[in-house]
Amino acid sequence: KQEVINDMLVRLIGRQIDLTQDGWWIGKYPDGFLAERRFIGDDRKKKCVLYADPDRAHFIKEIFQLRADNVMSNEEICIKINAMGYTTPIQQQWSKDGTKIIGKKGGKKLTPRRVDEIVRQAIYAGYIVKKWTHYRPLKANFEGLISVDVFNRANRGKVRLREHPDGTCDLIKDTNKKAKARDKRDKDNPDFPYKNVV
């Protein structure tokens, strides 16, 4: 029985990896999107695409635009977006065995930390970045909510998408942060190999 389960999981996960690397969405969809499985292509198999949530997409677009304009702090952005009626999505909480609903979570106001989490998600610009894409941006087979230019300006240099003429894209992270990390003292100093021994 366990061998059958393992075989099913291998085939299922393998198929999910193939779909992700082909530009389709797998897994829970981000805030501002809705997911739909559609018959696409000659193989007539259903594939999952994301599209703008008519009730929530305008919150995400406004967050990106306010960050891109660079005239408000995260705290001020939160005040404005919350005044528009934003709350985090309501999600059901299930028991450990997954048989019954034991509560709900979500429904909270936007926080500065949540703003940072949202603007760093490349999927809003139409690019998938996951473990199965080796954390490199892959152009999705559906539209994002914002342009790459707005994404880059909203991230203010900390994260940036760089598109190439051949259709590929790179995700560039803050180089200043890496430089600062290199300047920190290294505990493994070769000049003192026995400092923790003697």
C-alpha atoms as a PDB file:
ATOM      1  CA  LYS A   1       0.000   0.000   0.000  1.00  0.00           C
ATOM      2  CA  GLN A   2       2.809   2.440   0.891  1.00  0.00           C
ATOM      3  CA  GLU A   3       4.530   1.713  -2.442  1.00  0.00           C
ATOM      4  CA  VAL A   4       1.329   2.631  -4.296  1.00  0.00           C
ATOM      5  CA  ILE A   5       1.044   5.879  -2.320  1.00  0.00           C
ATOM      6  CA  ASN A   6       4.694   6.739  -3.005  1.00  0.00           C
ATOM      7  CA  ASP A   7       4.229   6.061  -6.718  1.00  0.00           C
ATOM      8  CA  MET A   8       1.148   8.300  -6.843  1.00  0.00           C
ATOM      9  CA  LEU A   9       2.987  11.104  -5.035  1.00  0.00           C
ATOM     10  CA  VAL A  10       5.974  10.868  -7.397  1.00  0.00           C
ATOM     11  CA  ARG A  11       3.700  11.146 -10.440  1.00  0.00           C
ATOM     12  CA  LEU A  12       1.633  13.955  -8.905  1.00  0.00           C
ATOM     13  CA  ILE A  13       4.608  16.053  -7.804  1.00  0.00           C
ATOM     14  CA  GLY A  14       6.379  15.437 -11.112  1.00  0.00           C
ATOM     15  CA  ARG A  15       3.328  16.732 -12.971  1.00  0.00           C
ATOM     16  CA  GLN A  16       3.151  19.812 -10.710  1.00  0.00           C
ATOM     17  CA  ILE A  17       6.804  20.584 -11.411  1.00  0.00           C
ATOM     18  CA  ASP A  18       6.246  20.274 -15.168  1.00  0.00           C
ATOM     19  CA  LEU A  19       3.211  22.590 -15.053  1.00  0.00           C
ATOM     20  CA  THR A  20       5.056  25.191 -12.975  1.00  0.00           C
ATOM     21  CA  GLN A  21       8.031  25.160 -15.327  1.00  0.00           C
ATOM     22  CA  ASP A  22       5.624  25.597 -18.252  1.00  0.00           C
ATOM     23  CA  GLY A  23       4.281  28.802 -16.685  1.00  0.00           C
ATOM     24  CA  TRP A  24       1.095  27.563 -14.981  1.00  0.00           C
ATOM     25  CA  TRP A  25       0.166  28.172 -11.346  1.00  0.00           C
ATOM     26  CA  ILE A  26       0.283  25.457  -8.683  1.00  0.00           C
ATOM     27  CA  GLY A  27      -0.754  25.911  -5.065  1.00  0.00           C
ATOM     28  CA  LYS A  28      -2.557  28.566  -3.070  1.00  0.00           C
ATOM     29  CA  TYR A  29      -3.138  31.761  -5.021  1.00  0.00           C
ATOM     30  CA  PRO A  30      -1.860  35.116  -3.659  1.00  0.00           C
ATOM     31  CA  ASP A  31      -4.066  37.890  -2.325  1.00  0.00           C
ATOM     32  CA  GLY A  32      -5.609  39.903  -5.177  1.00  0.00           C
ATOM     33  CA  PHE A  33      -5.911  36.891  -7.496  1.00  0.00           C
ATOM     34  CA  LEU A  34      -8.443  34.146  -8.048  1.00  0.00           C
ATOM     35  CA  ALA A  35      -7.574  30.774  -9.584  1.00  0.00           C
ATOM     36  CA  GLU A  36      -9.414  28.869 -12.287  1.00  0.00           C
ATOM     37  CA  ARG A  37      -8.701  25.537 -13.937  1.00  0.00           C
ATOM     38  CA  ARG A  38      -9.244  25.700 -17.695  1.00  0.00           C
ATOM     39  CA  PHE A  39      -8.902  23.313 -20.617  1.00  0.00           C
ATOM     40  CA  ILE A  40      -5.889  24.767 -22.441  1.00  0.00           C
ATOM     41  CA  GLY A  41      -3.781  23.414 -25.287  1.00  0.00           C
ATOM     42  CA  ASP A  42      -4.035  20.454 -27.637  1.00  0.00           C
ATOM     43  CA  ASP A  43      -3.782  17.883 -24.842  1.00  0.00           C
ATOM     44  CA  ARG A  44      -7.158  19.099 -23.485  1.00  0.00           C
ATOM     45  CA  LYS A  45      -5.944  18.899 -19.910  1.00  0.00           C
ATOM     46  CA  LYS A  46      -6.923  21.430 -17.290  1.00  0.00           C
ATOM     47  CA  LYS A  47      -4.317  23.972 -16.255  1.00  0.00           C
ATOM     48  CA  CYS A  48      -4.549  26.523 -13.453  1.00  0.00           C
ATOM     49  CA  VAL A  49      -4.414  30.219 -14.316  1.00  0.00           C
ATOM     50  CA  LEU A  50      -4.737  33.265 -12.088  1.00  0.00           C
ATOM     51  CA  TYR A  51      -6.898  36.298 -12.831  1.00  0.00           C
ATOM     52  CA  ALA A  52      -7.635  39.530 -10.996  1.00  0.00           C
ATOM     53  CA  ASP A  53     -10.023  39.266  -8.044  1.00  0.00           C
ATOM     54  CA  PRO A  54     -12.672  41.958  -8.701  1.00  0.00           C
ATOM     55  CA  ASP A  55     -13.093  42.507  -4.941  1.00  0.00           C
ATOM     56  CA  ARG A  56      -9.432  42.667  -3.898  1.00  0.00           C
ATOM     57  CA  ALA A  57      -7.147  43.396  -6.864  1.00  0.00           C
ATOM     58  CA  HIS A  58      -7.590  47.176  -6.524  1.00  0.00           C
ATOM     59  CA  PHE A  59      -6.036  47.044  -3.027  1.00  0.00           C
ATOM     60  CA  ILE A  60      -2.884  45.368  -4.363  1.00  0.00           C
ATOM     61  CA  LYS A  61      -2.615  47.752  -7.331  1.00  0.00           C
ATOM     62  CA  GLU A  62      -2.955  50.752  -5.021  1.00  0.00           C
ATOM     63  CA  ILE A  63      -0.285  49.433  -2.639  1.00  0.00           C
ATOM     64  CA  PHE A  64       2.165  49.035  -5.533  1.00  0.00           C
ATOM     65  CA  GLN A  65       1.334  52.440  -6.988  1.00  0.00           C
ATOM     66  CA  LEU A  66       1.758  54.240  -3.660  1.00  0.00           C
ATOM     67  CA  ARG A  67       5.102  52.536  -3.103  1.00  0.00           C
ATOM     68  CA  ALA A  68       6.197  53.302  -6.674  1.00  0.00           C
ATOM     69  CA  ASP A  69       5.339  57.001  -6.228  1.00  0.00           C
ATOM     70  CA  ASN A  70       7.707  57.032  -3.205  1.00  0.00           C
ATOM     71  CA  VAL A  71       5.880  59.853  -1.420  1.00  0.00           C
ATOM     72  CA  MET A  72       4.455  57.808   1.477  1.00  0.00           C
ATOM     73  CA  SER A  73       6.001  55.635   4.158  1.00  0.00           C
ATOM     74  CA  ASN A  74       4.690  52.109   4.749  1.00  0.00           C
ATOM     75  CA  GLU A  75       2.789  53.364   7.795  1.00  0.00           C
ATOM     76  CA  GLU A  76       1.043  56.050   5.735  1.00  0.00           C
ATOM     77  CA  ILE A  77       0.240  53.521   3.013  1.00  0.00           C
ATOM     78  CA  CYS A  78      -1.351  51.247   5.619  1.00  0.00           C
ATOM     79  CA  ILE A  79      -3.542  54.081   6.908  1.00  0.00           C
ATOM     80  CA  LYS A  80      -4.790  54.881   3.390  1.00  0.00           C
ATOM     81  CA  ILE A  81      -5.376  51.259   2.308  1.00  0.00           C
ATOM     82  CA  ASN A  82      -7.100  50.346   5.575  1.00  0.00           C
ATOM     83  CA  ALA A  83      -9.375  53.379   5.146  1.00  0.00           C
ATOM     84  CA  MET A  84     -10.409  51.873   1.793  1.00  0.00           C
ATOM     85  CA  GLY A  85     -11.713  48.823   3.678  1.00  0.00           C
ATOM     86  CA  TYR A  86      -8.773  46.425   3.334  1.00  0.00           C
ATOM     87  CA  THR A  87      -8.573  43.374   5.582  1.00  0.00           C
ATOM     88  CA  THR A  88      -6.492  40.227   5.063  1.00  0.00           C
ATOM     89  CA  PRO A  89      -8.346  37.327   3.374  1.00  0.00           C
ATOM     90  CA  ILE A  90     -10.443  35.065   5.626  1.00  0.00           C
ATOM     91  CA  GLN A  91      -9.094  31.502   5.685  1.00  0.00           C
ATOM     92  CA  GLN A  92     -10.545  28.401   7.290  1.00  0.00           C
ATOM     93  CA  GLN A  93      -8.489  26.526   9.861  1.00  0.00           C
ATOM     94  CA  TRP A  94      -8.722  22.739   9.777  1.00  0.00           C
ATOM     95  CA  SER A  95      -8.031  20.134  12.454  1.00  0.00           C
ATOM     96  CA  LYS A  96      -4.708  18.285  12.351  1.00  0.00           C
ATOM     97  CA  ASP A  97      -6.280  15.259  10.691  1.00  0.00           C
ATOM     98  CA  GLY A  98      -7.937  17.550   8.109  1.00  0.00           C
ATOM     99  CA  THR A  99     -11.462  16.286   8.711  1.00  0.00           C
ATOM    100  CA  LYS A 100     -13.244  19.341  10.143  1.00  0.00           C
ATOM    101  CA  ILE A 101     -13.077  23.116  10.305  1.00  0.00           C
ATOM    102  CA  ILE A 102     -12.102  24.363  13.757  1.00  0.00           C
ATOM    103  CA  GLY A 103     -11.984  28.111  13.145  1.00  0.00           C
ATOM    104  CA  LYS A 104     -11.036  30.970  10.886  1.00  0.00           C
ATOM    105  CA  LYS A 105      -8.095  33.330  10.542  1.00  0.00           C
ATOM    106  CA  GLY A 106      -7.559  36.585   8.728  1.00  0.00           C
ATOM    107  CA  GLY A 107      -9.694  39.696   8.611  1.00  0.00           C
ATOM    108  CA  LYS A 108      -6.866  41.860   9.974  1.00  0.00           C
ATOM    109  CA  LYS A 109      -5.736  45.327   8.935  1.00  0.00           C
ATOM    110  CA  LEU A 110      -2.771  45.947   6.662  1.00  0.00           C
ATOM    111  CA  THR A 111       0.579  46.344   8.450  1.00  0.00           C
ATOM    112  CA  PRO A 112       3.924  47.799   7.243  1.00  0.00           C
ATOM    113  CA  ARG A 113       5.461  44.345   7.320  1.00  0.00           C
ATOM    114  CA  ARG A 114       2.648  42.978   5.156  1.00  0.00           C
ATOM    115  CA  VAL A 115       3.236  45.804   2.649  1.00  0.00           C
ATOM    116  CA  ASP A 116       6.872  44.685   2.292  1.00  0.00           C
ATOM    117  CA  GLU A 117       5.770  41.063   1.817  1.00  0.00           C
ATOM    118  CA  ILE A 118       3.298  42.001  -0.914  1.00  0.00           C
ATOM    119  CA  VAL A 119       5.582  44.230  -3.006  1.00  0.00           C
ATOM    120  CA  ARG A 120       8.318  41.566  -3.148  1.00  0.00           C
ATOM    121  CA  GLN A 121       6.093  38.973  -4.848  1.00  0.00           C
ATOM    122  CA  ALA A 122       7.006  38.854  -8.539  1.00  0.00           C
ATOM    123  CA  ILE A 123       3.769  37.062  -9.417  1.00  0.00           C
ATOM    124  CA  TYR A 124       2.002  40.437  -9.286  1.00  0.00           C
ATOM    125  CA  ALA A 125       4.157  41.481 -12.260  1.00  0.00           C
ATOM    126  CA  GLY A 126       3.342  38.234 -14.089  1.00  0.00           C
ATOM    127  CA  TYR A 127       6.434  36.194 -13.127  1.00  0.00           C
ATOM    128  CA  ILE A 128       6.498  32.939 -11.162  1.00  0.00           C
ATOM    129  CA  VAL A 129       9.377  32.532  -8.697  1.00  0.00           C
ATOM    130  CA  LYS A 130       9.336  29.221  -6.831  1.00  0.00           C
ATOM    131  CA  LYS A 131      11.571  26.369  -5.789  1.00  0.00           C
ATOM    132  CA  TRP A 132      10.518  24.505  -8.940  1.00  0.00           C
ATOM    133  CA  THR A 133      11.716  27.393 -11.117  1.00  0.00           C
ATOM    134  CA  HIS A 134      15.039  27.303  -9.201  1.00  0.00           C
ATOM    135  CA  TYR A 135      13.984  30.683  -7.732  1.00  0.00           C
ATOM    136  CA  ARG A 136      14.445  32.326 -11.117  1.00  0.00           C
ATOM    137  CA  PRO A 137      11.582  34.396 -12.612  1.00  0.00           C
ATOM    138  CA  LEU A 138       9.541  32.495 -15.176  1.00  0.00           C
ATOM    139  CA  LYS A 139       6.992  34.328 -17.333  1.00  0.00           C
ATOM    140  CA  ALA A 140       3.508  33.120 -16.400  1.00  0.00           C
ATOM    141  CA  ASN A 141       0.898  32.180 -18.999  1.00  0.00           C
ATOM    142  CA  PHE A 142      -1.472  34.781 -17.563  1.00  0.00           C
ATOM    143  CA  GLU A 143      -1.368  38.495 -16.857  1.00  0.00           C
ATOM    144  CA  GLY A 144      -0.097  40.055 -13.644  1.00  0.00           C
ATOM    145  CA  LEU A 145      -1.809  42.925 -11.850  1.00  0.00           C
ATOM    146  CA  ILE A 146       0.959  45.477 -12.475  1.00  0.00           C
ATOM    147  CA  SER A 147       3.778  46.184 -14.920  1.00  0.00           C
ATOM    148  CA  VAL A 148       7.413  45.242 -14.342  1.00  0.00           C
ATOM    149  CA  ASP A 149       8.275  48.956 -14.175  1.00  0.00           C
ATOM    150  CA  VAL A 150       5.823  49.549 -11.305  1.00  0.00           C
ATOM    151  CA  PHE A 151       7.144  46.433  -9.543  1.00  0.00           C
ATOM    152  CA  ASN A 152      10.728  47.686  -9.752  1.00  0.00           C
ATOM    153  CA  ARG A 153       9.867  51.205  -8.588  1.00  0.00           C
ATOM    154  CA  ALA A 154       7.746  49.874  -5.725  1.00  0.00           C
ATOM    155  CA  ASN A 155      10.649  47.791  -4.434  1.00  0.00           C
ATOM    156  CA  ARG A 156      12.962  50.819  -4.464  1.00  0.00           C
ATOM    157  CA  GLY A 157      16.078  48.885  -5.460  1.00  0.00           C
ATOM    158  CA  LYS A 158      15.803  46.082  -2.904  1.00  0.00           C
ATOM    159  CA  VAL A 159      14.358  43.642  -5.457  1.00  0.00           C
ATOM    160  CA  ARG A 160      14.338  44.179  -9.211  1.00  0.00           C
ATOM    161  CA  LEU A 161      13.157  42.268 -12.270  1.00  0.00           C
ATOM    162  CA  ARG A 162      15.440  42.633 -15.297  1.00  0.00           C
ATOM    163  CA  GLU A 163      13.921  41.462 -18.573  1.00  0.00           C
ATOM    164  CA  HIS A 164      16.078  40.339 -21.526  1.00  0.00           C
ATOM    165  CA  PRO A 165      15.318  40.522 -25.267  1.00  0.00           C
ATOM    166  CA  ASP A 166      15.165  36.708 -25.511  1.00  0.00           C
ATOM    167  CA  GLY A 167      12.189  36.643 -23.104  1.00  0.00           C
ATOM    168  CA  THR A 168      14.111  35.518 -20.016  1.00  0.00           C
ATOM    169  CA  CYS A 169      14.257  37.494 -16.805  1.00  0.00           C
ATOM    170  CA  ASP A 170      16.509  37.834 -13.752  1.00  0.00           C
ATOM    171  CA  LEU A 171      15.543  38.667 -10.174  1.00  0.00           C
ATOM    172  CA  ILE A 172      18.189  40.963  -8.708  1.00  0.00           C
ATOM    173  CA  LYS A 173      18.292  41.462  -4.954  1.00  0.00           C
ATOM    174  CA  ASP A 174      19.812  44.297  -2.940  1.00  0.00           C
ATOM    175  CA  THR A 175      23.569  44.324  -3.606  1.00  0.00           C
ATOM    176  CA  ASN A 176      24.188  46.856  -0.831  1.00  0.00           C
ATOM    177  CA  LYS A 177      22.864  44.377   1.712  1.00  0.00           C
ATOM    178  CA  LYS A 178      25.280  41.713   0.442  1.00  0.00           C
ATOM    179  CA  ALA A 179      28.190  44.139   0.666  1.00  0.00           C
ATOM    180  CA  LYS A 180      27.299  44.973   4.256  1.00  0.00           C
ATOM    181  CA  ALA A 181      27.103  41.286   5.100  1.00  0.00           C
ATOM    182  CA  ARG A 182      30.625  40.749   3.751  1.00  0.00           C
ATOM    183  CA  ASP A 183      31.924  43.581   5.914  1.00  0.00           C
ATOM    184  CA  LYS A 184      30.804  41.856   9.122  1.00  0.00           C
ATOM    185  CA  ARG A 185      33.424  40.136  11.253  1.00  0.00           C
ATOM    186  CA  ASP A 186      33.965  36.492  10.393  1.00  0.00           C
ATOM    187  CA  LYS A 187      34.062  34.080  13.335  1.00  0.00           C
ATOM    188  CA  ASP A 188      36.099  31.589  11.298  1.00  0.00           C
ATOM    189  CA  ASN A 189      39.334  33.580  11.190  1.00  0.00           C
ATOM    190  CA  PRO A 190      42.180  31.481   9.680  1.00  0.00           C
ATOM    191  CA  ASP A 191      44.736  33.546  11.672  1.00  0.00           C
ATOM    192  CA  PHE A 192      43.338  32.097  14.915  1.00  0.00           C
ATOM    193  CA  PRO A 193      42.319  28.487  14.148  1.00  0.00           C
ATOM    194  CA  TYR A 194      42.408  27.315  17.793  1.00  0.00           C
ATOM    195  CA  LYS A 195      40.789  30.287  19.528  1.00  0.00           C
ATOM    196  CA  ASN A 196      37.826  28.204  20.754  1.00  0.00           C
ATOM    197  CA  VAL A 197      40.000  25.231  21.671  1.00  0.00           C
ATOM    198  CA  VAL A 198      42.816  26.640  23.776  1.00  0.00           C
END
